[in-house]
N, C-alpha and C. Protein backbone atom coordinates (compact mmCIF):
# COMPACT_ATOMS: atom_id res chain seq x y z
N MET A 1 6.90 -32.10 9.91
CA MET A 1 7.19 -31.31 9.36
C MET A 1 5.35 -30.60 9.44
N LYS A 2 4.38 -31.88 9.72
CA LYS A 2 3.29 -31.08 10.62
C LYS A 2 3.11 -30.54 11.70
N SER A 3 3.93 -30.50 12.26
CA SER A 3 4.05 -29.50 13.35
C SER A 3 4.56 -28.38 12.98
N TRP A 4 5.34 -28.37 11.99
CA TRP A 4 5.83 -26.87 11.34
C TRP A 4 5.15 -26.29 10.69
N ILE A 5 4.45 -27.03 10.08
CA ILE A 5 2.75 -26.35 9.25
C ILE A 5 2.19 -25.80 10.28
N SER A 6 1.38 -26.86 11.43
CA SER A 6 0.73 -25.87 12.10
C SER A 6 1.21 -24.83 13.22
N ASP A 7 2.38 -24.83 13.21
CA ASP A 7 3.18 -23.43 14.17
C ASP A 7 3.13 -22.75 13.36
N TYR A 8 3.24 -22.63 11.52
CA TYR A 8 3.40 -21.69 10.82
C TYR A 8 2.00 -20.96 10.33
N ILE A 9 0.78 -21.70 10.79
CA ILE A 9 -0.54 -21.58 10.34
C ILE A 9 -0.75 -20.44 12.02
N ALA A 10 -0.61 -21.22 12.99
CA ALA A 10 -0.66 -20.71 14.36
C ALA A 10 0.12 -19.07 14.26
N LYS A 11 1.08 -18.97 13.94
CA LYS A 11 1.72 -17.88 13.86
C LYS A 11 0.94 -16.81 12.85
N GLN A 12 0.61 -17.21 11.59
CA GLN A 12 -0.49 -16.42 10.58
C GLN A 12 -1.29 -15.47 10.92
N LYS A 13 -1.91 -16.63 11.80
CA LYS A 13 -3.01 -16.28 12.30
C LYS A 13 -3.16 -15.23 13.41
N ALA A 14 -1.91 -15.54 14.55
CA ALA A 14 -1.87 -14.16 15.04
C ALA A 14 -1.18 -13.28 14.77
N ALA A 15 -0.78 -12.89 13.08
CA ALA A 15 -0.26 -12.21 12.89
C ALA A 15 -1.82 -11.29 12.70
N LEU A 16 -2.55 -12.48 11.68
CA LEU A 16 -3.81 -11.31 11.25
C LEU A 16 -4.51 -11.18 12.08
N ASP A 17 -4.61 -11.74 13.26
CA ASP A 17 -5.05 -11.10 14.68
C ASP A 17 -4.49 -9.73 14.97
N SER A 18 -3.39 -9.19 14.36
CA SER A 18 -2.73 -8.28 15.01
C SER A 18 -3.09 -6.91 14.33
N ILE A 19 -3.88 -6.89 13.26
CA ILE A 19 -4.79 -5.85 11.79
C ILE A 19 -5.33 -5.52 12.83
N PRO A 20 -5.07 -3.79 13.16
CA PRO A 20 -6.40 -3.41 13.60
C PRO A 20 -6.98 -2.78 12.86
N THR A 21 -8.33 -2.95 13.37
CA THR A 21 -9.81 -2.48 12.37
C THR A 21 -9.89 -1.07 12.29
N ASP A 22 -9.80 -0.67 13.38
CA ASP A 22 -10.00 1.15 13.29
C ASP A 22 -9.04 1.67 12.06
N ALA A 23 -7.87 1.49 12.29
CA ALA A 23 -6.85 1.83 11.02
C ALA A 23 -7.02 1.19 9.94
N VAL A 24 -7.45 0.03 9.28
CA VAL A 24 -8.23 0.00 7.98
C VAL A 24 -9.55 0.34 7.98
N ALA A 25 -10.39 0.52 8.75
CA ALA A 25 -11.48 1.25 8.64
C ALA A 25 -11.34 2.73 8.00
N SER A 26 -10.27 3.41 8.86
CA SER A 26 -9.75 5.08 8.66
C SER A 26 -9.37 4.92 6.73
N VAL A 27 -8.37 3.71 6.44
CA VAL A 27 -7.61 3.61 5.07
C VAL A 27 -9.09 3.73 4.19
N ILE A 28 -10.05 2.95 4.60
CA ILE A 28 -11.52 2.47 3.72
C ILE A 28 -11.89 4.43 3.62
N GLU A 29 -12.48 4.87 4.70
CA GLU A 29 -12.85 6.06 4.42
C GLU A 29 -12.00 7.03 3.58
N LYS A 30 -10.77 6.83 3.72
CA LYS A 30 -9.66 7.91 2.80
C LYS A 30 -9.83 7.44 1.51
N LEU A 31 -10.25 6.30 1.01
CA LEU A 31 -9.88 5.97 -0.49
C LEU A 31 -11.81 6.35 -0.64
N ALA A 32 -12.31 6.45 0.06
CA ALA A 32 -13.66 6.95 -0.47
C ALA A 32 -13.96 8.72 -0.97
N ALA A 33 -13.25 8.92 -0.19
CA ALA A 33 -12.71 10.59 -0.34
C ALA A 33 -11.77 10.82 -0.96
N VAL A 34 -10.88 9.83 -1.80
CA VAL A 34 -10.33 10.80 -2.91
C VAL A 34 -11.34 9.82 -3.66
N LEU A 35 -11.78 8.63 -3.59
CA LEU A 35 -12.45 8.29 -4.86
C LEU A 35 -13.97 9.89 -5.52
N LYS A 36 -14.15 10.01 -4.28
CA LYS A 36 -15.18 11.64 -4.67
C LYS A 36 -14.83 12.42 -5.00
N GLU A 37 -13.12 13.04 -4.75
CA GLU A 37 -12.33 14.04 -5.31
C GLU A 37 -11.44 14.14 -6.34
N ASP A 38 -11.98 12.68 -7.08
CA ASP A 38 -11.30 12.12 -7.93
C ASP A 38 -9.47 12.35 -8.02
N ARG A 39 -9.57 11.70 -6.95
CA ARG A 39 -7.52 12.15 -7.10
C ARG A 39 -7.04 10.30 -7.52
N GLN A 40 -5.83 11.14 -7.62
CA GLN A 40 -5.44 9.57 -7.92
C GLN A 40 -4.56 8.92 -7.29
N ILE A 41 -4.65 7.82 -7.32
CA ILE A 41 -3.78 6.73 -6.20
C ILE A 41 -2.80 6.03 -6.62
N PHE A 42 -1.33 6.08 -6.02
CA PHE A 42 -0.32 5.59 -6.40
C PHE A 42 0.06 4.48 -5.67
N VAL A 43 0.63 3.24 -6.18
CA VAL A 43 0.75 2.36 -4.31
C VAL A 43 2.24 1.45 -5.32
N PHE A 44 3.66 1.03 -4.45
CA PHE A 44 4.22 0.89 -4.93
C PHE A 44 5.09 0.32 -3.70
N GLY A 45 6.04 -0.40 -3.80
CA GLY A 45 6.90 -1.31 -2.87
C GLY A 45 8.12 -2.19 -3.59
N ASN A 46 8.68 -3.03 -2.55
CA ASN A 46 9.96 -3.48 -3.57
C ASN A 46 9.66 -5.09 -2.87
N GLY A 47 10.34 -6.13 -4.28
CA GLY A 47 9.78 -7.18 -3.64
C GLY A 47 8.49 -7.75 -3.85
N GLY A 48 8.28 -8.74 -2.60
CA GLY A 48 6.91 -9.56 -2.24
C GLY A 48 6.24 -8.28 -2.86
N SER A 49 6.46 -7.12 -1.91
CA SER A 49 5.10 -5.78 -1.63
C SER A 49 5.44 -4.81 -2.97
N ALA A 50 6.12 -5.27 -4.12
CA ALA A 50 5.31 -4.84 -5.68
C ALA A 50 4.77 -5.62 -5.36
N SER A 51 4.58 -7.01 -5.62
CA SER A 51 4.10 -7.67 -6.22
C SER A 51 2.32 -7.37 -5.77
N ASN A 52 2.28 -7.17 -4.09
CA ASN A 52 1.21 -6.97 -3.31
C ASN A 52 0.36 -5.36 -4.02
N ALA A 53 1.41 -4.61 -4.30
CA ALA A 53 1.26 -3.34 -4.80
C ALA A 53 0.37 -3.54 -6.18
N SER A 54 0.94 -4.23 -6.86
CA SER A 54 0.17 -4.64 -8.30
C SER A 54 -0.75 -5.52 -8.31
N HIS A 55 -1.34 -6.35 -7.78
CA HIS A 55 -2.78 -6.98 -7.38
C HIS A 55 -3.25 -5.85 -6.59
N PHE A 56 -2.89 -5.59 -5.44
CA PHE A 56 -4.06 -4.27 -5.65
C PHE A 56 -4.46 -3.43 -6.48
N ALA A 57 -3.62 -3.06 -7.04
CA ALA A 57 -3.72 -1.50 -8.17
C ALA A 57 -5.14 -2.44 -9.32
N THR A 58 -4.46 -3.62 -9.57
CA THR A 58 -5.58 -4.29 -9.96
C THR A 58 -7.05 -4.48 -9.60
N ASP A 59 -6.73 -5.05 -8.51
CA ASP A 59 -8.20 -4.90 -7.76
C ASP A 59 -9.01 -4.06 -7.64
N LEU A 60 -7.89 -2.41 -7.16
CA LEU A 60 -9.10 -1.34 -6.95
C LEU A 60 -9.25 -0.64 -8.53
N GLY A 61 -8.82 -0.66 -9.13
CA GLY A 61 -8.90 -0.44 -10.01
C GLY A 61 -9.94 -1.04 -11.31
N LYS A 62 -9.85 -2.57 -11.24
CA LYS A 62 -10.86 -3.21 -12.18
C LYS A 62 -11.94 -3.66 -11.04
N GLY A 63 -11.64 -4.69 -10.16
CA GLY A 63 -12.54 -5.32 -9.34
C GLY A 63 -13.72 -4.33 -9.17
N SER A 64 -13.29 -3.18 -7.85
CA SER A 64 -13.76 -2.58 -7.17
C SER A 64 -14.48 -1.14 -8.18
N SER A 65 -13.76 -0.78 -9.27
CA SER A 65 -14.06 0.16 -9.69
C SER A 65 -15.97 -0.71 -10.72
N ASP A 66 -15.73 -1.38 -10.95
CA ASP A 66 -16.84 -2.37 -12.03
C ASP A 66 -18.11 -2.17 -11.05
N LYS A 67 -17.95 -2.23 -9.50
CA LYS A 67 -19.06 -2.14 -8.69
C LYS A 67 -19.53 -0.73 -8.69
N LEU A 68 -18.67 0.36 -9.11
CA LEU A 68 -18.95 1.61 -8.71
C LEU A 68 -19.53 2.46 -9.81
N ALA A 69 -20.30 3.69 -9.49
CA ALA A 69 -20.69 4.51 -10.82
C ALA A 69 -19.22 5.68 -11.23
N LYS A 70 -18.57 5.51 -10.67
CA LYS A 70 -17.14 6.09 -10.42
C LYS A 70 -16.18 5.07 -10.58
N ARG A 71 -14.98 5.33 -10.91
CA ARG A 71 -13.92 4.54 -11.75
C ARG A 71 -12.40 5.43 -10.63
N PHE A 72 -11.86 3.86 -9.37
CA PHE A 72 -10.32 4.60 -8.82
C PHE A 72 -9.53 4.70 -9.83
N ARG A 73 -8.51 5.82 -10.00
CA ARG A 73 -7.90 6.48 -10.43
C ARG A 73 -6.48 5.62 -9.79
N VAL A 74 -6.19 4.34 -10.47
CA VAL A 74 -4.67 3.73 -9.03
C VAL A 74 -3.81 3.29 -10.20
N LEU A 75 -2.45 3.24 -10.14
CA LEU A 75 -1.64 3.07 -10.67
C LEU A 75 -0.57 2.29 -10.01
N SER A 76 0.19 1.28 -10.20
CA SER A 76 1.01 0.81 -9.84
C SER A 76 2.50 1.74 -10.16
N LEU A 77 3.21 2.01 -8.82
CA LEU A 77 4.83 2.48 -10.03
C LEU A 77 5.31 1.52 -9.87
N ASN A 78 5.32 0.29 -10.17
CA ASN A 78 6.19 -0.58 -9.82
C ASN A 78 6.64 -1.63 -10.78
N ASP A 79 5.21 -1.26 -11.73
CA ASP A 79 5.11 -1.92 -12.80
C ASP A 79 5.86 -1.30 -14.39
N ASN A 80 6.52 -0.10 -14.39
CA ASN A 80 6.62 0.05 -15.35
C ASN A 80 8.35 -0.19 -15.17
N VAL A 81 8.85 -1.46 -15.64
CA VAL A 81 10.36 -1.47 -15.41
C VAL A 81 11.05 -0.88 -16.25
N SER A 82 10.96 -0.56 -17.34
CA SER A 82 11.72 0.40 -18.26
C SER A 82 12.23 1.63 -17.25
N TRP A 83 10.89 2.56 -16.94
CA TRP A 83 11.05 3.43 -16.30
C TRP A 83 11.83 3.20 -14.85
N MET A 84 11.45 2.66 -13.84
CA MET A 84 11.79 2.36 -12.73
C MET A 84 13.68 1.76 -13.49
N THR A 85 14.44 0.99 -14.21
CA THR A 85 15.42 0.88 -14.47
C THR A 85 16.35 1.68 -15.10
N ALA A 86 15.32 3.05 -15.46
CA ALA A 86 16.35 4.33 -16.01
C ALA A 86 16.31 4.72 -15.22
N LEU A 87 15.62 4.99 -14.46
CA LEU A 87 15.78 6.02 -13.01
C LEU A 87 17.14 5.17 -11.93
N GLY A 88 16.82 4.32 -11.63
CA GLY A 88 17.54 3.81 -10.62
C GLY A 88 19.11 3.37 -11.25
N ASN A 89 19.23 3.70 -12.92
CA ASN A 89 20.53 3.72 -13.42
C ASN A 89 20.85 5.39 -13.62
N ASP A 90 19.94 5.77 -13.70
CA ASP A 90 20.93 7.35 -13.94
C ASP A 90 20.66 8.72 -12.76
N TYR A 91 20.12 7.76 -12.03
CA TYR A 91 20.38 8.22 -10.54
C TYR A 91 20.21 7.87 -9.37
N SER A 92 19.87 6.76 -8.48
CA SER A 92 19.90 5.70 -7.71
C SER A 92 18.86 4.90 -7.41
N TYR A 93 18.61 3.98 -7.25
CA TYR A 93 17.85 3.09 -6.69
C TYR A 93 16.86 3.79 -5.75
N ASP A 94 17.31 4.62 -4.74
CA ASP A 94 16.73 4.94 -3.61
C ASP A 94 15.40 6.25 -4.70
N ASP A 95 15.73 6.65 -5.83
CA ASP A 95 14.52 7.70 -6.44
C ASP A 95 13.54 7.02 -7.45
N ILE A 96 13.45 5.53 -7.44
CA ILE A 96 12.92 4.98 -8.28
C ILE A 96 11.36 5.55 -8.83
N TYR A 97 11.12 5.87 -6.89
CA TYR A 97 9.75 5.77 -6.80
C TYR A 97 9.31 7.40 -7.11
N VAL A 98 9.77 8.57 -6.15
CA VAL A 98 10.13 9.71 -6.17
C VAL A 98 9.86 10.36 -7.15
N ARG A 99 11.02 9.76 -7.96
CA ARG A 99 11.20 10.59 -9.20
C ARG A 99 9.74 10.05 -10.22
N GLN A 100 8.81 9.09 -10.01
CA GLN A 100 7.86 9.28 -10.80
C GLN A 100 6.41 9.99 -10.23
N LEU A 101 6.40 9.71 -8.79
CA LEU A 101 6.01 10.64 -7.82
C LEU A 101 5.80 12.34 -8.35
N GLU A 102 7.18 12.85 -8.53
CA GLU A 102 7.52 14.37 -9.42
C GLU A 102 6.84 14.58 -10.39
N ASN A 103 6.80 13.41 -11.22
CA ASN A 103 5.65 13.52 -12.93
C ASN A 103 4.33 13.60 -12.66
N TYR A 104 3.55 12.30 -11.89
CA TYR A 104 2.59 12.56 -11.34
C TYR A 104 1.48 13.01 -10.58
N ALA A 105 2.16 13.14 -9.06
CA ALA A 105 1.46 13.40 -7.80
C ALA A 105 0.89 15.05 -7.87
N ARG A 106 -0.11 14.93 -6.82
CA ARG A 106 -0.45 16.26 -6.74
C ARG A 106 -0.89 16.45 -5.64
N PRO A 107 -0.89 17.70 -4.92
CA PRO A 107 -1.56 17.42 -3.52
C PRO A 107 -2.85 16.73 -3.38
N GLY A 108 -3.27 16.79 -2.69
CA GLY A 108 -4.74 15.85 -2.56
C GLY A 108 -4.80 14.53 -3.12
N ASP A 109 -3.39 14.36 -3.64
CA ASP A 109 -3.29 12.57 -3.75
C ASP A 109 -3.20 11.80 -2.65
N LEU A 110 -2.97 10.18 -3.25
CA LEU A 110 -3.03 9.58 -1.87
C LEU A 110 -1.62 8.62 -2.03
N VAL A 111 -0.31 8.03 -1.70
CA VAL A 111 0.50 7.27 -2.02
C VAL A 111 -0.02 6.42 -1.24
N ILE A 112 -0.07 4.57 -1.57
CA ILE A 112 0.37 3.74 -0.28
C ILE A 112 1.44 3.02 -0.34
N THR A 113 2.11 2.33 0.51
CA THR A 113 2.72 1.68 0.18
C THR A 113 3.12 0.59 1.46
N CYS A 114 4.44 -0.98 1.22
CA CYS A 114 3.79 -2.07 1.97
C CYS A 114 5.44 -2.12 2.17
N SER A 115 5.62 -2.24 3.17
CA SER A 115 6.92 -2.45 3.48
C SER A 115 7.16 -3.33 5.36
N VAL A 116 7.72 -4.56 5.29
CA VAL A 116 7.42 -5.50 5.69
C VAL A 116 8.64 -4.63 7.35
N SER A 117 9.64 -4.00 6.85
CA SER A 117 11.13 -3.61 7.54
C SER A 117 10.47 -1.85 8.16
N GLY A 118 9.73 -1.53 7.20
CA GLY A 118 9.07 -0.09 7.03
C GLY A 118 10.54 1.00 6.91
N SER A 119 11.32 0.63 6.35
CA SER A 119 12.55 1.45 6.53
C SER A 119 13.56 1.43 5.21
N SER A 120 12.91 0.88 3.43
CA SER A 120 13.23 0.78 2.67
C SER A 120 13.78 1.88 2.24
N PRO A 121 14.81 2.68 1.95
CA PRO A 121 15.48 3.72 1.86
C PRO A 121 14.63 4.55 0.28
N ASN A 122 13.72 4.31 -0.77
CA ASN A 122 12.91 4.24 -1.69
C ASN A 122 11.83 4.50 -1.36
N LEU A 123 11.31 4.07 0.09
CA LEU A 123 9.67 4.03 0.05
C LEU A 123 9.80 5.28 0.62
N VAL A 124 11.35 5.18 1.98
CA VAL A 124 11.03 6.23 2.94
C VAL A 124 11.28 7.62 1.89
N LYS A 125 12.21 8.08 1.08
CA LYS A 125 12.41 9.05 0.17
C LYS A 125 11.27 9.23 -0.49
N ALA A 126 10.06 8.47 -0.78
CA ALA A 126 9.03 8.90 -1.95
C ALA A 126 7.82 9.49 -0.92
N PHE A 127 8.01 9.16 0.54
CA PHE A 127 7.13 9.31 1.37
C PHE A 127 7.13 10.66 1.62
N GLN A 128 8.75 10.79 2.36
CA GLN A 128 9.38 12.01 2.66
C GLN A 128 8.32 13.50 1.75
N TRP A 129 9.03 13.22 0.25
CA TRP A 129 8.59 14.06 -0.96
C TRP A 129 6.89 14.37 -0.63
N ALA A 130 6.38 13.07 -0.72
CA ALA A 130 4.82 13.36 -1.02
C ALA A 130 4.47 14.22 0.55
N LYS A 131 4.63 14.00 1.54
CA LYS A 131 4.23 14.80 3.04
C LYS A 131 4.60 15.83 2.35
N SER A 132 5.38 16.44 2.39
CA SER A 132 5.67 17.55 1.22
C SER A 132 5.61 18.60 0.76
N LYS A 133 4.61 17.78 -0.14
CA LYS A 133 3.70 18.24 -0.83
C LYS A 133 2.48 18.37 -1.22
N GLY A 134 1.83 18.18 0.11
CA GLY A 134 0.66 17.37 0.14
C GLY A 134 -0.17 16.30 0.17
N VAL A 135 0.76 15.31 -0.45
CA VAL A 135 -0.05 14.13 -0.84
C VAL A 135 0.29 13.52 0.80
N HIS A 136 -1.02 12.58 0.41
CA HIS A 136 -1.69 11.98 1.94
C HIS A 136 -1.06 10.79 1.43
N THR A 137 -0.91 9.72 2.52
CA THR A 137 0.53 8.80 2.91
C THR A 137 -0.60 7.74 3.37
N VAL A 138 -0.62 6.12 3.36
CA VAL A 138 -0.89 5.02 4.16
C VAL A 138 0.29 4.53 3.67
N ALA A 139 1.02 3.76 4.92
CA ALA A 139 1.71 2.76 5.04
C ALA A 139 1.44 1.47 5.64
N LEU A 140 1.65 0.52 5.23
CA LEU A 140 1.41 -1.27 5.89
C LEU A 140 2.68 -1.76 6.24
N VAL A 141 2.78 -1.84 7.72
CA VAL A 141 4.24 -2.14 8.18
C VAL A 141 4.18 -3.27 8.65
N GLY A 142 5.46 -3.94 8.78
CA GLY A 142 5.84 -5.17 10.10
C GLY A 142 5.91 -4.74 10.98
N GLY A 143 6.01 -5.80 11.69
CA GLY A 143 6.43 -5.39 13.57
C GLY A 143 7.78 -4.88 13.66
N LYS A 144 8.39 -4.35 13.14
CA LYS A 144 9.55 -3.38 13.27
C LYS A 144 9.17 -1.85 13.24
N ARG A 145 7.89 -1.84 12.30
CA ARG A 145 7.47 -0.75 12.39
C ARG A 145 8.11 0.34 11.46
N GLY A 146 9.12 0.78 11.80
CA GLY A 146 10.42 1.57 10.86
C GLY A 146 10.05 3.14 10.31
N LYS A 147 10.87 3.54 9.78
CA LYS A 147 10.57 5.11 9.26
C LYS A 147 9.31 5.26 9.18
N LEU A 148 8.81 4.46 7.95
CA LEU A 148 7.40 4.85 7.51
C LEU A 148 6.58 5.46 8.30
N ALA A 149 6.51 4.25 9.57
CA ALA A 149 5.49 4.17 10.48
C ALA A 149 5.22 5.72 11.26
N GLU A 150 6.67 6.33 11.14
CA GLU A 150 6.75 7.54 11.46
C GLU A 150 6.07 8.56 10.76
N ILE A 151 5.89 8.76 10.04
CA ILE A 151 6.22 9.75 8.99
C ILE A 151 4.69 9.74 7.89
N ALA A 152 4.43 8.15 7.69
CA ALA A 152 2.83 8.02 7.12
C ALA A 152 1.94 8.72 7.73
N ASP A 153 0.60 9.20 7.06
CA ASP A 153 -0.58 9.85 7.86
C ASP A 153 -1.21 8.35 8.43
N HIS A 154 -1.25 7.60 7.40
CA HIS A 154 -2.40 6.30 8.28
C HIS A 154 -0.98 5.47 7.97
N THR A 155 -1.07 4.30 9.24
CA THR A 155 -0.18 3.24 9.34
C THR A 155 -1.02 2.21 9.57
N ILE A 156 -0.89 0.84 8.96
CA ILE A 156 -1.12 -0.18 9.53
C ILE A 156 -0.35 -1.34 9.82
N VAL A 157 -0.30 -1.80 11.10
CA VAL A 157 1.19 -2.59 11.31
C VAL A 157 0.39 -4.02 11.00
N VAL A 158 0.85 -5.08 11.19
CA VAL A 158 1.02 -5.94 11.21
C VAL A 158 2.38 -6.60 12.03
N ASN A 159 1.68 -7.06 12.99
CA ASN A 159 2.73 -7.28 14.27
C ASN A 159 3.14 -8.76 14.07
N ASP A 160 4.05 -8.65 12.72
CA ASP A 160 4.84 -9.71 13.14
C ASP A 160 6.25 -9.09 11.88
N THR A 161 7.50 -9.87 12.25
CA THR A 161 8.77 -9.46 11.48
C THR A 161 9.07 -10.65 10.47
N HIS A 162 8.34 -11.47 10.45
CA HIS A 162 8.61 -12.84 9.29
C HIS A 162 7.71 -12.47 8.20
N TYR A 163 9.11 -12.31 7.31
CA TYR A 163 8.50 -11.21 5.90
C TYR A 163 7.05 -11.88 5.10
N GLY A 164 7.03 -13.79 4.99
CA GLY A 164 5.99 -13.96 4.36
C GLY A 164 4.96 -14.04 4.86
N ARG A 165 4.74 -13.62 6.49
CA ARG A 165 3.45 -13.42 6.88
C ARG A 165 2.82 -12.22 6.88
N ALA A 166 4.08 -11.25 7.57
CA ALA A 166 3.62 -9.91 7.22
C ALA A 166 2.95 -9.38 5.71
N GLU A 167 3.58 -9.90 4.72
CA GLU A 167 3.30 -9.59 3.71
C GLU A 167 2.19 -10.52 3.18
N ASP A 168 1.56 -11.63 3.74
CA ASP A 168 0.43 -12.38 4.06
C ASP A 168 -0.47 -11.27 4.38
N GLY A 169 -0.44 -10.66 5.34
CA GLY A 169 -1.39 -9.70 5.88
C GLY A 169 -1.08 -8.52 5.42
N HIS A 170 -0.06 -8.21 4.32
CA HIS A 170 -0.71 -6.90 3.88
C HIS A 170 -1.08 -6.98 3.07
N MET A 171 -1.11 -8.65 2.05
CA MET A 171 -2.34 -8.46 0.56
C MET A 171 -3.86 -8.57 1.87
N GLY A 172 -3.88 -9.08 2.58
CA GLY A 172 -5.15 -9.69 3.09
C GLY A 172 -6.15 -8.09 3.64
N ILE A 173 -5.08 -7.07 3.92
CA ILE A 173 -5.49 -5.95 3.95
C ILE A 173 -5.92 -5.45 3.15
N LEU A 174 -4.82 -5.48 1.87
CA LEU A 174 -4.85 -4.70 0.90
C LEU A 174 -6.59 -5.32 -0.24
N HIS A 175 -6.79 -6.62 0.55
CA HIS A 175 -8.11 -7.19 -0.27
C HIS A 175 -8.73 -6.56 0.63
N MET A 176 -9.23 -6.45 2.03
CA MET A 176 -10.27 -5.79 2.21
C MET A 176 -10.50 -4.81 2.04
N LEU A 177 -9.13 -3.95 1.64
CA LEU A 177 -9.58 -2.21 0.78
C LEU A 177 -10.43 -2.75 -0.46
N CYS A 178 -10.02 -3.21 -1.12
CA CYS A 178 -10.80 -3.52 -2.34
C CYS A 178 -12.50 -4.07 -2.23
N TYR A 179 -12.34 -4.56 -1.49
CA TYR A 179 -13.37 -5.59 -1.38
C TYR A 179 -14.36 -4.64 -0.31
N ALA A 180 -14.72 -4.08 0.43
CA ALA A 180 -14.79 -3.43 0.91
C ALA A 180 -16.09 -2.28 0.28
N PHE A 181 -15.40 -2.08 -1.22
CA PHE A 181 -16.14 -1.52 -2.06
C PHE A 181 -16.94 -2.25 -2.71
N MET A 182 -16.27 -3.49 -3.54
CA MET A 182 -16.62 -4.50 -4.28
C MET A 182 -18.43 -4.94 -3.20
N GLU A 183 -18.10 -5.41 -1.71
CA GLU A 183 -19.14 -5.70 -1.63
C GLU A 183 -20.11 -4.49 -0.56
N LYS A 184 -19.67 -3.28 -0.67
CA LYS A 184 -20.62 -2.02 -0.16
C LYS A 184 -20.18 -0.95 -0.97
N PRO A 185 -20.79 -1.23 -2.00
CA PRO A 185 -20.81 -0.20 -2.61
C PRO A 185 -21.02 1.30 -2.36
N GLU A 186 -22.05 1.08 -1.41
CA GLU A 186 -22.71 2.39 -1.06
C GLU A 186 -21.88 2.87 -0.32
N LEU A 187 -19.93 2.84 0.37
CA LEU A 187 -19.42 3.14 0.93
C LEU A 187 -18.89 5.04 -0.23
N ALA A 188 -19.10 4.08 -1.37
CA ALA A 188 -18.58 5.41 -2.37
C ALA A 188 -19.60 6.61 -2.78
N LYS A 189 -20.58 6.45 -2.04
CA LYS A 189 -21.36 7.81 -1.84
C LYS A 189 -21.49 9.16 -1.17
């Protein structure tokens, strides 16, 4: 068991080492611009990535915003279960995010998603709609990259296809996006 744990940790370190710092810095700059322009940020995902999206919305909306003169307007679209299930039931599961974006998103807003496969149909559909409406897109993906990596304005790849390690890498990136503003509030000026 100790050997397996050591191997897992070594692979997790390699996944974290694969995070492109320039890409993370670019998204931090985009968040600063969105904040200055008083734009809305929408975040969402499936499974563990949905949990990461909720966590990110909390950290950015509360933790980061508490350090700034202006607050981030951020919403996790996977937190309204009744709306998601109504959309999934009445339309299709592929529509659970795009239909919410149709209600909320405006040109210049920002959508962020995490997907280890990069190919979840509901995420791809939401990104395609967003791109067609002038909404900026950020995708955090795993080593397979997938369709999201092709269509996103900003893509950050955690170069591992293991769901646990990639999701842990994504959460690390999301924490960096938040803590950049908590620890360097001058970024928002």
